[in-house]
Protein backbone atom coordinates (compact mmCIF):
# COMPACT_ATOMS: atom_id res chain seq x y z
CA MET A 1 -42.84 -15.30 25.81
CA HIS A 2 -40.42 -12.92 24.03
CA GLU A 3 -36.86 -13.31 22.48
CA LEU A 4 -35.66 -10.74 24.54
CA ASP A 5 -36.69 -12.04 28.08
CA PRO A 6 -38.46 -15.59 28.51
CA GLU A 7 -40.29 -13.83 31.33
CA VAL A 8 -41.93 -11.39 29.26
CA GLU A 9 -45.85 -11.80 28.98
CA ASP A 10 -47.70 -10.80 25.56
CA ARG A 11 -51.28 -9.30 25.97
CA ASN A 12 -53.54 -8.70 23.36
CA TYR A 13 -55.52 -5.77 24.70
CA ALA A 14 -57.83 -5.76 21.98
CA LYS A 15 -59.26 -9.16 23.42
CA GLN A 16 -58.30 -8.23 27.18
CA PRO A 17 -58.89 -4.59 27.60
CA LEU A 18 -56.50 -2.63 29.82
CA THR A 19 -58.01 -1.20 33.09
CA LYS A 20 -57.94 2.40 34.02
CA ALA A 21 -55.09 1.79 36.77
CA GLU A 22 -53.08 -0.07 33.89
CA LEU A 23 -53.55 2.62 31.35
CA GLU A 24 -52.49 5.37 34.04
CA ARG A 25 -49.40 3.21 34.89
CA ILE A 26 -48.57 2.94 31.16
CA VAL A 27 -48.70 6.56 30.59
CA SER A 28 -46.65 7.52 33.71
CA ALA A 29 -44.07 4.68 32.74
CA ALA A 30 -43.90 6.21 29.27
CA GLY A 31 -43.42 9.57 30.54
CA SER A 32 -46.46 11.22 28.55
CA VAL A 33 -49.34 10.87 27.03
CA ALA A 34 -47.76 11.91 23.63
CA ALA A 35 -45.40 9.02 24.02
CA VAL A 36 -48.24 6.44 23.92
CA LEU A 37 -50.68 8.21 21.79
CA ASN A 38 -51.64 6.80 18.39
CA THR A 39 -51.72 10.09 16.27
CA ARG A 40 -52.96 8.32 13.33
CA HIS A 41 -56.20 7.15 14.99
CA LYS A 42 -59.51 9.01 13.71
CA VAL A 43 -60.38 10.35 17.32
CA ALA A 44 -56.78 11.75 17.88
CA LYS A 45 -57.01 13.45 14.46
CA GLU A 46 -60.26 14.80 14.98
CA GLN A 47 -59.39 16.16 18.29
CA GLY A 48 -56.04 17.74 17.19
CA TRP A 49 -54.24 15.62 19.75
CA LYS A 50 -51.04 15.41 17.50
CA GLU A 51 -50.55 19.15 17.99
CA LYS A 52 -51.66 19.29 21.44
CA PRO A 53 -51.92 15.81 23.43
CA PRO A 54 -54.70 15.62 25.70
CA SER A 55 -54.44 15.42 29.48
CA LYS A 56 -53.51 12.05 30.98
CA THR A 57 -57.04 11.97 32.56
CA ALA A 58 -58.65 12.65 29.12
CA PHE A 59 -56.38 10.24 27.31
CA VAL A 60 -57.30 7.45 29.93
CA LYS A 61 -60.95 8.08 29.79
CA ALA A 62 -60.86 7.97 25.87
CA ALA A 63 -58.31 4.94 25.64
CA LEU A 64 -60.79 2.97 27.87
CA GLU A 65 -63.43 3.20 25.16
CA GLU A 66 -60.99 3.04 21.93
CA ASN A 67 -57.87 0.92 22.98
CA ASN A 68 -56.49 1.72 19.43
CA LEU A 69 -55.62 5.04 20.79
CA LEU A 70 -52.55 3.40 22.34
CA ARG A 71 -49.41 2.90 19.85
CA ARG A 72 -48.11 -0.57 19.75
CA PRO A 73 -46.39 -2.44 21.03
CA ILE A 74 -45.98 -1.38 24.63
CA VAL A 75 -43.23 -2.95 26.56
CA ILE A 76 -43.01 -2.50 30.39
CA ALA A 77 -40.07 -3.26 32.48
CA ASP A 78 -38.97 -1.89 36.00
CA GLY A 79 -41.45 0.73 35.74
CA ARG A 80 -40.29 1.88 32.53
CA ALA A 81 -42.09 1.64 29.10
CA VAL A 82 -40.98 1.70 25.69
CA VAL A 83 -43.95 2.27 23.09
CA GLY A 84 -43.50 1.56 19.30
CA ARG A 85 -41.16 -0.77 17.40
CA ASN A 86 -37.68 0.71 18.85
CA GLU A 87 -35.55 -2.39 19.12
CA ASP A 88 -32.53 -0.58 20.90
CA GLU A 89 -34.84 1.12 23.53
CA ILE A 90 -36.43 -2.13 23.93
CA ARG A 91 -33.17 -4.16 24.19
CA ALA A 92 -31.94 -1.47 26.80
CA LEU A 93 -35.15 -2.21 29.35
CA PHE A 94 -33.66 -5.77 29.39
CA GLY A 95 -30.11 -4.71 29.20
C-alpha cells in the first residue's frame, strides 16, 4: 500500500526478481533505457552506459542478472512509469 493510492502494490525485486517481460514493460513505460538505468552501478560505469546507454535488449539481459542496474523506486500506472524519487511526477500518475 502507498499513501498516494491504496491500490498500489509494493514489490521488493531484490527478493522477487523481475521477469524479462516485466523489465521490457518498465523500459517501454519509462520511455527509454536511460530513464531507468542506475548509472552509479559498477556495470554501468564499466560499460560507459552513462554516456551511451545500451539497447533495450542488452539492458534487459544485464538487469535480469543484476537488478541493481534499475533506478529506484519505479512507480507504474496506466502504462506510464516514473523512476526515481520525483514526488511531483509520481503524484501526476495518480492525479
